Amino acid sequence: MSGRQPLANVASPSAALPPTAAGVRRLDATLALASLLLAAGSAVVWSDPAVPRVVRAPEADVAINVTATLVGAAVATLAWVRWRETAEVASLYECSAFVVLSATNALLLSIVVLGAASAF
C-alpha cells in the first residue's frame, strides 16, 4: 500500500463550512440580475426586426467545436482518473458520456475540415 488516501476520503477545507447568509443572498441577487438581463436581451431581439436573429459564422462554429472537443476530452480524462482512484461506477459513466461527446464533436469537426459538410 502506498499510503495515499483515495480521493473520496479527502475532504476539502471549505466542505465543513456552511454557506453564509450574505453569500447566499449575493448569489441569489447575481442569478436574478443575470436572468433579468437575458430576458431583456431576448425581448429586444424578439421585438425589434432590425436586430439580426441569425448570424452565419462558420469560423466561430469551428472554434466552438474544437473547444468543446478538447474540454470534453479533458473532463473524460479527469473522470477516468477519479474512477481509477475511487472505483465509483458513476465516474465511469461520466467518463463514458464525455468520451462519446468528444468523439461526436471530433467527427463533426472532421466532416467540416474535410469539406464534406455540404453533403449533409
PDB file of N, CA and C in Angstrom:
ATOM      1  N   MET A   1       0.840  -1.167   0.000  1.00  0.00           N
ATOM      2  CA  MET A   1       0.000   0.000   0.000  1.00  0.00           C
ATOM      3  C   MET A   1       0.888   1.234   0.000  1.00  0.00           C
ATOM      4  N   SER A   2       0.546   2.211  -0.787  1.00  0.00           N
ATOM      5  CA  SER A   2       1.408   3.366  -0.969  1.00  0.00           C
ATOM      6  C   SER A   2       1.212   4.429   0.106  1.00  0.00           C
ATOM      7  N   GLY A   3       0.222   4.332   0.929  1.00  0.00           N
ATOM      8  CA  GLY A   3      -0.013   5.322   1.975  1.00  0.00           C
ATOM      9  C   GLY A   3      -0.878   6.486   1.499  1.00  0.00           C
ATOM     10  N   ARG A   4      -1.234   6.486   0.216  1.00  0.00           N
ATOM     11  CA  ARG A   4      -2.095   7.556  -0.293  1.00  0.00           C
ATOM     12  C   ARG A   4      -3.543   7.237   0.026  1.00  0.00           C
ATOM     13  N   GLN A   5      -4.305   8.272   0.327  1.00  0.00           N
ATOM     14  CA  GLN A   5      -5.728   8.083   0.586  1.00  0.00           C
ATOM     15  C   GLN A   5      -6.487   8.220  -0.728  1.00  0.00           C
ATOM     16  N   PRO A   6      -7.549   7.447  -0.907  1.00  0.00           N
ATOM     17  CA  PRO A   6      -8.382   7.655  -2.090  1.00  0.00           C
ATOM     18  C   PRO A   6      -9.000   9.043  -2.049  1.00  0.00           C
ATOM     19  N   LEU A   7      -9.311   9.557  -3.222  1.00  0.00           N
ATOM     20  CA  LEU A   7      -9.868  10.901  -3.300  1.00  0.00           C
ATOM     21  C   LEU A   7     -11.180  11.029  -2.540  1.00  0.00           C
ATOM     22  N   ALA A   8     -11.930   9.959  -2.419  1.00  0.00           N
ATOM     23  CA  ALA A   8     -13.223  10.031  -1.745  1.00  0.00           C
ATOM     24  C   ALA A   8     -13.068  10.317  -0.254  1.00  0.00           C
ATOM     25  N   ASN A   9     -11.936   9.968   0.340  1.00  0.00           N
ATOM     26  CA  ASN A   9     -11.747  10.167   1.771  1.00  0.00           C
ATOM     27  C   ASN A   9     -11.104  11.497   2.112  1.00  0.00           C
ATOM     28  N   VAL A  10     -10.707  12.268   1.121  1.00  0.00           N
ATOM     29  CA  VAL A  10     -10.054  13.547   1.361  1.00  0.00           C
ATOM     30  C   VAL A  10     -11.106  14.635   1.230  1.00  0.00           C
ATOM     31  N   ALA A  11     -11.378  15.329   2.304  1.00  0.00           N
ATOM     32  CA  ALA A  11     -12.382  16.387   2.291  1.00  0.00           C
ATOM     33  C   ALA A  11     -11.694  17.730   2.079  1.00  0.00           C
ATOM     34  N   SER A  12     -12.356  18.596   1.331  1.00  0.00           N
ATOM     35  CA  SER A  12     -11.797  19.927   1.140  1.00  0.00           C
ATOM     36  C   SER A  12     -12.037  20.748   2.404  1.00  0.00           C
ATOM     37  N   PRO A  13     -11.168  21.729   2.683  1.00  0.00           N
ATOM     38  CA  PRO A  13     -11.324  22.523   3.897  1.00  0.00           C
ATOM     39  C   PRO A  13     -12.626  23.303   3.930  1.00  0.00           C
ATOM     40  N   SER A  14     -13.125  23.716   2.771  1.00  0.00           N
ATOM     41  CA  SER A  14     -14.350  24.508   2.754  1.00  0.00           C
ATOM     42  C   SER A  14     -15.602  23.642   2.840  1.00  0.00           C
ATOM     43  N   ALA A  15     -15.481  22.317   2.759  1.00  0.00           N
ATOM     44  CA  ALA A  15     -16.658  21.449   2.783  1.00  0.00           C
ATOM     45  C   ALA A  15     -17.349  21.470   4.144  1.00  0.00           C
ATOM     46  N   ALA A  16     -16.595  21.728   5.215  1.00  0.00           N
ATOM     47  CA  ALA A  16     -17.189  21.709   6.543  1.00  0.00           C
ATOM     48  C   ALA A  16     -17.853  23.027   6.903  1.00  0.00           C
ATOM     49  N   LEU A  17     -17.586  24.081   6.159  1.00  0.00           N
ATOM     50  CA  LEU A  17     -18.141  25.389   6.473  1.00  0.00           C
ATOM     51  C   LEU A  17     -19.478  25.584   5.772  1.00  0.00           C
ATOM     52  N   PRO A  18     -20.516  25.946   6.507  1.00  0.00           N
ATOM     53  CA  PRO A  18     -21.800  26.210   5.854  1.00  0.00           C
ATOM     54  C   PRO A  18     -21.734  27.552   5.125  1.00  0.00           C
ATOM     55  N   PRO A  19     -22.519  27.714   4.067  1.00  0.00           N
ATOM     56  CA  PRO A  19     -22.519  28.997   3.376  1.00  0.00           C
ATOM     57  C   PRO A  19     -23.124  30.080   4.253  1.00  0.00           C
ATOM     58  N   THR A  20     -22.576  31.272   4.155  1.00  0.00           N
ATOM     59  CA  THR A  20     -23.105  32.385   4.947  1.00  0.00           C
ATOM     60  C   THR A  20     -24.360  32.920   4.277  1.00  0.00           C
ATOM     61  N   ALA A  21     -25.178  33.575   5.057  1.00  0.00           N
ATOM     62  CA  ALA A  21     -26.417  34.143   4.523  1.00  0.00           C
ATOM     63  C   ALA A  21     -26.098  35.236   3.508  1.00  0.00           C
ATOM     64  N   ALA A  22     -25.043  36.013   3.765  1.00  0.00           N
ATOM     65  CA  ALA A  22     -24.666  37.073   2.832  1.00  0.00           C
ATOM     66  C   ALA A  22     -24.217  36.479   1.503  1.00  0.00           C
ATOM     67  N   GLY A  23     -23.486  35.369   1.557  1.00  0.00           N
ATOM     68  CA  GLY A  23     -23.030  34.721   0.331  1.00  0.00           C
ATOM     69  C   GLY A  23     -24.189  34.174  -0.479  1.00  0.00           C
ATOM     70  N   VAL A  24     -25.171  33.601   0.196  1.00  0.00           N
ATOM     71  CA  VAL A  24     -26.344  33.069  -0.488  1.00  0.00           C
ATOM     72  C   VAL A  24     -27.152  34.208  -1.099  1.00  0.00           C
ATOM     73  N   ARG A  25     -27.315  35.299  -0.369  1.00  0.00           N
ATOM     74  CA  ARG A  25     -28.065  36.447  -0.892  1.00  0.00           C
ATOM     75  C   ARG A  25     -27.358  37.045  -2.097  1.00  0.00           C
ATOM     76  N   ARG A  26     -26.028  37.116  -2.049  1.00  0.00           N
ATOM     77  CA  ARG A  26     -25.271  37.677  -3.166  1.00  0.00           C
ATOM     78  C   ARG A  26     -25.425  36.788  -4.404  1.00  0.00           C
ATOM     79  N   LEU A  27     -25.384  35.479  -4.211  1.00  0.00           N
ATOM     80  CA  LEU A  27     -25.576  34.565  -5.329  1.00  0.00           C
ATOM     81  C   LEU A  27     -26.981  34.692  -5.897  1.00  0.00           C
ATOM     82  N   ASP A  28     -27.989  34.769  -5.026  1.00  0.00           N
ATOM     83  CA  ASP A  28     -29.369  34.936  -5.489  1.00  0.00           C
ATOM     84  C   ASP A  28     -29.529  36.222  -6.285  1.00  0.00           C
ATOM     85  N   ALA A  29     -28.931  37.297  -5.800  1.00  0.00           N
ATOM     86  CA  ALA A  29     -29.030  38.581  -6.500  1.00  0.00           C
ATOM     87  C   ALA A  29     -28.330  38.511  -7.852  1.00  0.00           C
ATOM     88  N   THR A  30     -27.193  37.851  -7.913  1.00  0.00           N
ATOM     89  CA  THR A  30     -26.458  37.725  -9.172  1.00  0.00           C
ATOM     90  C   THR A  30     -27.255  36.902 -10.182  1.00  0.00           C
ATOM     91  N   LEU A  31     -27.838  35.800  -9.735  1.00  0.00           N
ATOM     92  CA  LEU A  31     -28.648  34.978 -10.637  1.00  0.00           C
ATOM     93  C   LEU A  31     -29.895  35.718 -11.109  1.00  0.00           C
ATOM     94  N   ALA A  32     -30.521  36.473 -10.211  1.00  0.00           N
ATOM     95  CA  ALA A  32     -31.708  37.243 -10.589  1.00  0.00           C
ATOM     96  C   ALA A  32     -31.346  38.322 -11.605  1.00  0.00           C
ATOM     97  N   LEU A  33     -30.224  39.009 -11.393  1.00  0.00           N
ATOM     98  CA  LEU A  33     -29.792  40.044 -12.327  1.00  0.00           C
ATOM     99  C   LEU A  33     -29.450  39.443 -13.690  1.00  0.00           C
ATOM    100  N   ALA A  34     -28.762  38.325 -13.700  1.00  0.00           N
ATOM    101  CA  ALA A  34     -28.429  37.668 -14.967  1.00  0.00           C
ATOM    102  C   ALA A  34     -29.693  37.243 -15.701  1.00  0.00           C
ATOM    103  N   SER A  35     -30.684  36.727 -14.974  1.00  0.00           N
ATOM    104  CA  SER A  35     -31.943  36.322 -15.601  1.00  0.00           C
ATOM    105  C   SER A  35     -32.673  37.516 -16.204  1.00  0.00           C
ATOM    106  N   LEU A  36     -32.688  38.623 -15.478  1.00  0.00           N
ATOM    107  CA  LEU A  36     -33.353  39.824 -15.993  1.00  0.00           C
ATOM    108  C   LEU A  36     -32.645  40.365 -17.232  1.00  0.00           C
ATOM    109  N   LEU A  37     -31.313  40.390 -17.215  1.00  0.00           N
ATOM    110  CA  LEU A  37     -30.570  40.872 -18.381  1.00  0.00           C
ATOM    111  C   LEU A  37     -30.796  39.976 -19.602  1.00  0.00           C
ATOM    112  N   LEU A  38     -30.790  38.678 -19.397  1.00  0.00           N
ATOM    113  CA  LEU A  38     -31.034  37.765 -20.511  1.00  0.00           C
ATOM    114  C   LEU A  38     -32.470  37.885 -21.037  1.00  0.00           C
ATOM    115  N   ALA A  39     -33.429  38.074 -20.143  1.00  0.00           N
ATOM    116  CA  ALA A  39     -34.819  38.257 -20.570  1.00  0.00           C
ATOM    117  C   ALA A  39     -34.973  39.557 -21.357  1.00  0.00           C
ATOM    118  N   ALA A  40     -34.320  40.625 -20.903  1.00  0.00           N
ATOM    119  CA  ALA A  40     -34.395  41.902 -21.618  1.00  0.00           C
ATOM    120  C   ALA A  40     -33.751  41.785 -22.998  1.00  0.00           C
ATOM    121  N   GLY A  41     -32.598  41.126 -23.073  1.00  0.00           N
ATOM    122  CA  GLY A  41     -31.947  40.935 -24.365  1.00  0.00           C
ATOM    123  C   GLY A  41     -32.795  40.099 -25.307  1.00  0.00           C
ATOM    124  N   SER A  42     -33.433  39.069 -24.774  1.00  0.00           N
ATOM    125  CA  SER A  42     -34.312  38.238 -25.600  1.00  0.00           C
ATOM    126  C   SER A  42     -35.515  39.029 -26.091  1.00  0.00           C
ATOM    127  N   ALA A  43     -36.064  39.889 -25.249  1.00  0.00           N
ATOM    128  CA  ALA A  43     -37.208  40.717 -25.647  1.00  0.00           C
ATOM    129  C   ALA A  43     -36.819  41.679 -26.766  1.00  0.00           C
ATOM    130  N   VAL A  44     -35.629  42.262 -26.692  1.00  0.00           N
ATOM    131  CA  VAL A  44     -35.172  43.180 -27.734  1.00  0.00           C
ATOM    132  C   VAL A  44     -35.001  42.431 -29.057  1.00  0.00           C
ATOM    133  N   VAL A  45     -34.364  41.282 -29.019  1.00  0.00           N
ATOM    134  CA  VAL A  45     -34.164  40.508 -30.250  1.00  0.00           C
ATOM    135  C   VAL A  45     -35.501  40.058 -30.826  1.00  0.00           C
ATOM    136  N   TRP A  46     -36.426  39.682 -29.965  1.00  0.00           N
ATOM    137  CA  TRP A  46     -37.724  39.185 -30.429  1.00  0.00           C
ATOM    138  C   TRP A  46     -38.585  40.303 -31.011  1.00  0.00           C
ATOM    139  N   SER A  47     -38.526  41.512 -30.417  1.00  0.00           N
ATOM    140  CA  SER A  47     -39.458  42.574 -30.810  1.00  0.00           C
ATOM    141  C   SER A  47     -38.910  43.506 -31.887  1.00  0.00           C
ATOM    142  N   ASP A  48     -37.598  43.651 -32.021  1.00  0.00           N
ATOM    143  CA  ASP A  48     -37.024  44.607 -32.960  1.00  0.00           C
ATOM    144  C   ASP A  48     -36.616  43.890 -34.244  1.00  0.00           C
ATOM    145  N   PRO A  49     -37.276  44.180 -35.363  1.00  0.00           N
ATOM    146  CA  PRO A  49     -36.939  43.486 -36.608  1.00  0.00           C
ATOM    147  C   PRO A  49     -35.564  43.898 -37.165  1.00  0.00           C
ATOM    148  N   ALA A  50     -34.995  45.007 -36.686  1.00  0.00           N
ATOM    149  CA  ALA A  50     -33.693  45.455 -37.184  1.00  0.00           C
ATOM    150  C   ALA A  50     -32.544  44.625 -36.612  1.00  0.00           C
ATOM    151  N   VAL A  51     -32.791  43.945 -35.504  1.00  0.00           N
ATOM    152  CA  VAL A  51     -31.741  43.122 -34.886  1.00  0.00           C
ATOM    153  C   VAL A  51     -31.694  41.782 -35.619  1.00  0.00           C
ATOM    154  N   PRO A  52     -30.517  41.414 -36.141  1.00  0.00           N
ATOM    155  CA  PRO A  52     -30.432  40.133 -36.868  1.00  0.00           C
ATOM    156  C   PRO A  52     -30.615  38.951 -35.914  1.00  0.00           C
ATOM    157  N   ARG A  53     -31.460  38.021 -36.334  1.00  0.00           N
ATOM    158  CA  ARG A  53     -31.747  36.866 -35.484  1.00  0.00           C
ATOM    159  C   ARG A  53     -30.811  35.692 -35.779  1.00  0.00           C
ATOM    160  N   VAL A  54     -30.230  35.681 -36.957  1.00  0.00           N
ATOM    161  CA  VAL A  54     -29.339  34.599 -37.353  1.00  0.00           C
ATOM    162  C   VAL A  54     -28.041  35.216 -37.857  1.00  0.00           C
ATOM    163  N   VAL A  55     -26.949  34.720 -37.352  1.00  0.00           N
ATOM    164  CA  VAL A  55     -25.637  35.162 -37.810  1.00  0.00           C
ATOM    165  C   VAL A  55     -24.889  33.919 -38.284  1.00  0.00           C
ATOM    166  N   ARG A  56     -24.427  33.934 -39.525  1.00  0.00           N
ATOM    167  CA  ARG A  56     -23.678  32.801 -40.059  1.00  0.00           C
ATOM    168  C   ARG A  56     -22.197  33.077 -39.822  1.00  0.00           C
ATOM    169  N   ALA A  57     -21.580  32.251 -38.980  1.00  0.00           N
ATOM    170  CA  ALA A  57     -20.172  32.410 -38.645  1.00  0.00           C
ATOM    171  C   ALA A  57     -19.517  31.032 -38.582  1.00  0.00           C
ATOM    172  N   PRO A  58     -19.127  30.480 -39.738  1.00  0.00           N
ATOM    173  CA  PRO A  58     -18.541  29.139 -39.731  1.00  0.00           C
ATOM    174  C   PRO A  58     -17.224  29.057 -38.968  1.00  0.00           C
ATOM    175  N   GLU A  59     -16.450  30.152 -38.948  1.00  0.00           N
ATOM    176  CA  GLU A  59     -15.193  30.140 -38.191  1.00  0.00           C
ATOM    177  C   GLU A  59     -15.458  30.017 -36.699  1.00  0.00           C
ATOM    178  N   ALA A  60     -16.472  30.728 -36.236  1.00  0.00           N
ATOM    179  CA  ALA A  60     -16.834  30.642 -34.812  1.00  0.00           C
ATOM    180  C   ALA A  60     -17.358  29.239 -34.482  1.00  0.00           C
ATOM    181  N   ASP A  61     -18.085  28.639 -35.412  1.00  0.00           N
ATOM    182  CA  ASP A  61     -18.594  27.278 -35.197  1.00  0.00           C
ATOM    183  C   ASP A  61     -17.450  26.288 -35.045  1.00  0.00           C
ATOM    184  N   VAL A  62     -16.438  26.408 -35.883  1.00  0.00           N
ATOM    185  CA  VAL A  62     -15.282  25.511 -35.789  1.00  0.00           C
ATOM    186  C   VAL A  62     -14.542  25.746 -34.480  1.00  0.00           C
ATOM    187  N   ALA A  63     -14.365  27.007 -34.104  1.00  0.00           N
ATOM    188  CA  ALA A  63     -13.663  27.310 -32.848  1.00  0.00           C
ATOM    189  C   ALA A  63     -14.418  26.758 -31.642  1.00  0.00           C
ATOM    190  N   ILE A  64     -15.736  26.886 -31.646  1.00  0.00           N
ATOM    191  CA  ILE A  64     -16.541  26.370 -30.533  1.00  0.00           C
ATOM    192  C   ILE A  64     -16.465  24.841 -30.497  1.00  0.00           C
ATOM    193  N   ASN A  65     -16.527  24.192 -31.657  1.00  0.00           N
ATOM    194  CA  ASN A  65     -16.455  22.731 -31.680  1.00  0.00           C
ATOM    195  C   ASN A  65     -15.085  22.208 -31.262  1.00  0.00           C
ATOM    196  N   VAL A  66     -14.009  22.903 -31.649  1.00  0.00           N
ATOM    197  CA  VAL A  66     -12.677  22.493 -31.216  1.00  0.00           C
ATOM    198  C   VAL A  66     -12.561  22.617 -29.702  1.00  0.00           C
ATOM    199  N   THR A  67     -13.039  23.735 -29.170  1.00  0.00           N
ATOM    200  CA  THR A  67     -13.003  23.939 -27.718  1.00  0.00           C
ATOM    201  C   THR A  67     -13.821  22.877 -27.000  1.00  0.00           C
ATOM    202  N   ALA A  68     -15.013  22.592 -27.507  1.00  0.00           N
ATOM    203  CA  ALA A  68     -15.867  21.575 -26.877  1.00  0.00           C
ATOM    204  C   ALA A  68     -15.218  20.193 -26.926  1.00  0.00           C
ATOM    205  N   THR A  69     -14.533  19.890 -28.017  1.00  0.00           N
ATOM    206  CA  THR A  69     -13.861  18.597 -28.131  1.00  0.00           C
ATOM    207  C   THR A  69     -12.727  18.475 -27.117  1.00  0.00           C
ATOM    208  N   LEU A  70     -11.911  19.516 -27.018  1.00  0.00           N
ATOM    209  CA  LEU A  70     -10.782  19.478 -26.091  1.00  0.00           C
ATOM    210  C   LEU A  70     -11.237  19.458 -24.631  1.00  0.00           C
ATOM    211  N   VAL A  71     -12.234  20.266 -24.313  1.00  0.00           N
ATOM    212  CA  VAL A  71     -12.744  20.294 -22.939  1.00  0.00           C
ATOM    213  C   VAL A  71     -13.405  18.960 -22.593  1.00  0.00           C
ATOM    214  N   GLY A  72     -14.171  18.406 -23.523  1.00  0.00           N
ATOM    215  CA  GLY A  72     -14.796  17.102 -23.282  1.00  0.00           C
ATOM    216  C   GLY A  72     -13.767  16.008 -23.057  1.00  0.00           C
ATOM    217  N   ALA A  73     -12.686  16.041 -23.827  1.00  0.00           N
ATOM    218  CA  ALA A  73     -11.624  15.044 -23.642  1.00  0.00           C
ATOM    219  C   ALA A  73     -10.931  15.227 -22.291  1.00  0.00           C
ATOM    220  N   ALA A  74     -10.729  16.475 -21.885  1.00  0.00           N
ATOM    221  CA  ALA A  74     -10.093  16.728 -20.590  1.00  0.00           C
ATOM    222  C   ALA A  74     -10.980  16.267 -19.438  1.00  0.00           C
ATOM    223  N   VAL A  75     -12.272  16.540 -19.527  1.00  0.00           N
ATOM    224  CA  VAL A  75     -13.191  16.113 -18.469  1.00  0.00           C
ATOM    225  C   VAL A  75     -13.304  14.594 -18.447  1.00  0.00           C
ATOM    226  N   ALA A  76     -13.291  13.966 -19.610  1.00  0.00           N
ATOM    227  CA  ALA A  76     -13.324  12.499 -19.654  1.00  0.00           C
ATOM    228  C   ALA A  76     -12.085  11.918 -18.998  1.00  0.00           C
ATOM    229  N   THR A  77     -10.937  12.530 -19.233  1.00  0.00           N
ATOM    230  CA  THR A  77      -9.703  12.061 -18.599  1.00  0.00           C
ATOM    231  C   THR A  77      -9.777  12.210 -17.088  1.00  0.00           C
ATOM    232  N   LEU A  78     -10.263  13.355 -16.618  1.00  0.00           N
ATOM    233  CA  LEU A  78     -10.395  13.556 -15.174  1.00  0.00           C
ATOM    234  C   LEU A  78     -11.381  12.563 -14.552  1.00  0.00           C
ATOM    235  N   ALA A  79     -12.480  12.289 -15.247  1.00  0.00           N
ATOM    236  CA  ALA A  79     -13.445  11.316 -14.728  1.00  0.00           C
ATOM    237  C   ALA A  79     -12.843   9.922 -14.703  1.00  0.00           C
ATOM    238  N   TRP A  80     -12.031   9.599 -15.701  1.00  0.00           N
ATOM    239  CA  TRP A  80     -11.359   8.295 -15.717  1.00  0.00           C
ATOM    240  C   TRP A  80     -10.405   8.180 -14.531  1.00  0.00           C
ATOM    241  N   VAL A  81      -9.644   9.222 -14.273  1.00  0.00           N
ATOM    242  CA  VAL A  81      -8.713   9.206 -13.136  1.00  0.00           C
ATOM    243  C   VAL A  81      -9.490   9.061 -11.831  1.00  0.00           C
ATOM    244  N   ARG A  82     -10.606   9.780 -11.715  1.00  0.00           N
ATOM    245  CA  ARG A  82     -11.408   9.663 -10.496  1.00  0.00           C
ATOM    246  C   ARG A  82     -11.947   8.247 -10.338  1.00  0.00           C
ATOM    247  N   TRP A  83     -12.366   7.626 -11.442  1.00  0.00           N
ATOM    248  CA  TRP A  83     -12.853   6.251 -11.352  1.00  0.00           C
ATOM    249  C   TRP A  83     -11.734   5.313 -10.924  1.00  0.00           C
ATOM    250  N   ARG A  84     -10.529   5.524 -11.443  1.00  0.00           N
ATOM    251  CA  ARG A  84      -9.402   4.664 -11.071  1.00  0.00           C
ATOM    252  C   ARG A  84      -9.047   4.826  -9.594  1.00  0.00           C
ATOM    253  N   GLU A  85      -9.225   6.025  -9.050  1.00  0.00           N
ATOM    254  CA  GLU A  85      -8.889   6.275  -7.648  1.00  0.00           C
ATOM    255  C   GLU A  85      -9.982   5.811  -6.685  1.00  0.00           C
ATOM    256  N   THR A  86     -11.241   6.018  -7.062  1.00  0.00           N
ATOM    257  CA  THR A  86     -12.339   5.749  -6.117  1.00  0.00           C
ATOM    258  C   THR A  86     -13.166   4.523  -6.464  1.00  0.00           C
ATOM    259  N   ALA A  87     -13.075   4.026  -7.680  1.00  0.00           N
ATOM    260  CA  ALA A  87     -13.861   2.889  -8.164  1.00  0.00           C
ATOM    261  C   ALA A  87     -15.364   3.140  -8.088  1.00  0.00           C
ATOM    262  N   GLU A  88     -15.771   4.404  -8.203  1.00  0.00           N
ATOM    263  CA  GLU A  88     -17.193   4.740  -8.245  1.00  0.00           C
ATOM    264  C   GLU A  88     -17.709   4.531  -9.663  1.00  0.00           C
ATOM    265  N   VAL A  89     -18.789   3.791  -9.780  1.00  0.00           N
ATOM    266  CA  VAL A  89     -19.336   3.474 -11.093  1.00  0.00           C
ATOM    267  C   VAL A  89     -19.849   4.737 -11.778  1.00  0.00           C
ATOM    268  N   ALA A  90     -20.362   5.690 -11.015  1.00  0.00           N
ATOM    269  CA  ALA A  90     -20.869   6.935 -11.602  1.00  0.00           C
ATOM    270  C   ALA A  90     -19.764   7.682 -12.344  1.00  0.00           C
ATOM    271  N   SER A  91     -18.549   7.608 -11.844  1.00  0.00           N
ATOM    272  CA  SER A  91     -17.424   8.267 -12.521  1.00  0.00           C
ATOM    273  C   SER A  91     -17.127   7.602 -13.855  1.00  0.00           C
ATOM    274  N   LEU A  92     -17.289   6.305 -13.910  1.00  0.00           N
ATOM    275  CA  LEU A  92     -17.076   5.592 -15.168  1.00  0.00           C
ATOM    276  C   LEU A  92     -18.151   5.980 -16.187  1.00  0.00           C
ATOM    277  N   TYR A  93     -19.399   6.104 -15.743  1.00  0.00           N
ATOM    278  CA  TYR A  93     -20.470   6.551 -16.642  1.00  0.00           C
ATOM    279  C   TYR A  93     -20.212   7.975 -17.118  1.00  0.00           C
ATOM    280  N   GLU A  94     -19.763   8.827 -16.218  1.00  0.00           N
ATOM    281  CA  GLU A  94     -19.450  10.206 -16.584  1.00  0.00           C
ATOM    282  C   GLU A  94     -18.330  10.237 -17.625  1.00  0.00           C
ATOM    283  N   CYS A  95     -17.314   9.442 -17.399  1.00  0.00           N
ATOM    284  CA  CYS A  95     -16.208   9.351 -18.352  1.00  0.00           C
ATOM    285  C   CYS A  95     -16.719   8.898 -19.712  1.00  0.00           C
ATOM    286  N   SER A  96     -17.553   7.884 -19.726  1.00  0.00           N
ATOM    287  CA  SER A  96     -18.091   7.363 -20.983  1.00  0.00           C
ATOM    288  C   SER A  96     -18.903   8.418 -21.720  1.00  0.00           C
ATOM    289  N   ALA A  97     -19.696   9.177 -20.997  1.00  0.00           N
ATOM    290  CA  ALA A  97     -20.512  10.217 -21.626  1.00  0.00           C
ATOM    291  C   ALA A  97     -19.637  11.280 -22.275  1.00  0.00           C
ATOM    292  N   PHE A  98     -18.586  11.693 -21.595  1.00  0.00           N
ATOM    293  CA  PHE A  98     -17.720  12.716 -22.167  1.00  0.00           C
ATOM    294  C   PHE A  98     -16.861  12.171 -23.304  1.00  0.00           C
ATOM    295  N   VAL A  99     -16.536  10.893 -23.288  1.00  0.00           N
ATOM    296  CA  VAL A  99     -15.829  10.290 -24.427  1.00  0.00           C
ATOM    297  C   VAL A  99     -16.732  10.307 -25.660  1.00  0.00           C
ATOM    298  N   VAL A 100     -18.013   9.970 -25.479  1.00  0.00           N
ATOM    299  CA  VAL A 100     -18.955   9.993 -26.602  1.00  0.00           C
ATOM    300  C   VAL A 100     -19.129  11.421 -27.117  1.00  0.00           C
ATOM    301  N   LEU A 101     -19.234  12.388 -26.208  1.00  0.00           N
ATOM    302  CA  LEU A 101     -19.358  13.788 -26.615  1.00  0.00           C
ATOM    303  C   LEU A 101     -18.136  14.234 -27.409  1.00  0.00           C
ATOM    304  N   SER A 102     -16.954  13.897 -26.925  1.00  0.00           N
ATOM    305  CA  SER A 102     -15.719  14.288 -27.617  1.00  0.00           C
ATOM    306  C   SER A 102     -15.597  13.601 -28.971  1.00  0.00           C
ATOM    307  N   ALA A 103     -15.960  12.342 -29.032  1.00  0.00           N
ATOM    308  CA  ALA A 103     -15.886  11.617 -30.303  1.00  0.00           C
ATOM    309  C   ALA A 103     -16.866  12.198 -31.324  1.00  0.00           C
ATOM    310  N   THR A 104     -18.057  12.538 -30.879  1.00  0.00           N
ATOM    311  CA  THR A 104     -19.045  13.139 -31.776  1.00  0.00           C
ATOM    312  C   THR A 104     -18.561  14.488 -32.279  1.00  0.00           C
ATOM    313  N   ASN A 105     -18.037  15.314 -31.388  1.00  0.00           N
ATOM    314  CA  ASN A 105     -17.513  16.615 -31.809  1.00  0.00           C
ATOM    315  C   ASN A 105     -16.338  16.449 -32.755  1.00  0.00           C
ATOM    316  N   ALA A 106     -15.466  15.480 -32.492  1.00  0.00           N
ATOM    317  CA  ALA A 106     -14.331  15.242 -33.387  1.00  0.00           C
ATOM    318  C   ALA A 106     -14.808  14.789 -34.763  1.00  0.00           C
ATOM    319  N   LEU A 107     -15.848  13.965 -34.812  1.00  0.00           N
ATOM    320  CA  LEU A 107     -16.408  13.528 -36.089  1.00  0.00           C
ATOM    321  C   LEU A 107     -16.991  14.712 -36.854  1.00  0.00           C
ATOM    322  N   LEU A 108     -17.744  15.567 -36.172  1.00  0.00           N
ATOM    323  CA  LEU A 108     -18.313  16.750 -36.826  1.00  0.00           C
ATOM    324  C   LEU A 108     -17.213  17.682 -37.319  1.00  0.00           C
ATOM    325  N   LEU A 109     -16.167  17.848 -36.538  1.00  0.00           N
ATOM    326  CA  LEU A 109     -15.050  18.683 -36.967  1.00  0.00           C
ATOM    327  C   LEU A 109     -14.362  18.115 -38.200  1.00  0.00           C
ATOM    328  N   SER A 110     -14.170  16.810 -38.214  1.00  0.00           N
ATOM    329  CA  SER A 110     -13.505  16.199 -39.374  1.00  0.00           C
ATOM    330  C   SER A 110     -14.355  16.354 -40.632  1.00  0.00           C
ATOM    331  N   ILE A 111     -15.658  16.281 -40.489  1.00  0.00           N
ATOM    332  CA  ILE A 111     -16.539  16.487 -41.650  1.00  0.00           C
ATOM    333  C   ILE A 111     -16.390  17.902 -42.181  1.00  0.00           C
ATOM    334  N   VAL A 112     -16.347  18.886 -41.287  1.00  0.00           N
ATOM    335  CA  VAL A 112     -16.215  20.284 -41.707  1.00  0.00           C
ATOM    336  C   VAL A 112     -14.842  20.545 -42.310  1.00  0.00           C
ATOM    337  N   VAL A 113     -13.795  20.053 -41.651  1.00  0.00           N
ATOM    338  CA  VAL A 113     -12.433  20.313 -42.117  1.00  0.00           C
ATOM    339  C   VAL A 113     -12.170  19.649 -43.465  1.00  0.00           C
ATOM    340  N   LEU A 114     -12.715  18.458 -43.678  1.00  0.00           N
ATOM    341  CA  LEU A 114     -12.513  17.767 -44.961  1.00  0.00           C
ATOM    342  C   LEU A 114     -13.380  18.326 -46.087  1.00  0.00           C
ATOM    343  N   GLY A 115     -14.276  19.250 -45.761  1.00  0.00           N
ATOM    344  CA  GLY A 115     -15.106  19.892 -46.775  1.00  0.00           C
ATOM    345  C   GLY A 115     -16.315  19.090 -47.174  1.00  0.00           C
ATOM    346  N   ALA A 116     -16.713  18.123 -46.407  1.00  0.00           N
ATOM    347  CA  ALA A 116     -17.867  17.300 -46.748  1.00  0.00           C
ATOM    348  C   ALA A 116     -19.147  17.798 -46.085  1.00  0.00           C
ATOM    349  N   ALA A 117     -19.119  18.973 -45.483  1.00  0.00           N
ATOM    350  CA  ALA A 117     -20.304  19.485 -44.778  1.00  0.00           C
ATOM    351  C   ALA A 117     -21.444  19.767 -45.731  1.00  0.00           C
ATOM    352  N   SER A 118     -21.168  20.072 -46.990  1.00  0.00           N
ATOM    353  CA  SER A 118     -22.245  20.354 -47.942  1.00  0.00           C
ATOM    354  C   SER A 118     -23.072  19.105 -48.260  1.00  0.00           C
ATOM    355  N   ALA A 119     -22.517  17.940 -48.028  1.00  0.00           N
ATOM    356  CA  ALA A 119     -23.256  16.693 -48.259  1.00  0.00           C
ATOM    357  C   ALA A 119     -24.322  16.460 -47.222  1.00  0.00           C
ATOM    358  N   PHE A 120     -24.252  17.150 -46.137  1.00  0.00           N
ATOM    359  CA  PHE A 120     -25.234  16.971 -45.088  1.00  0.00           C
ATOM    360  C   PHE A 120     -26.210  18.084 -45.148  1.00  0.00           C
TER     361      PHE A 120
END
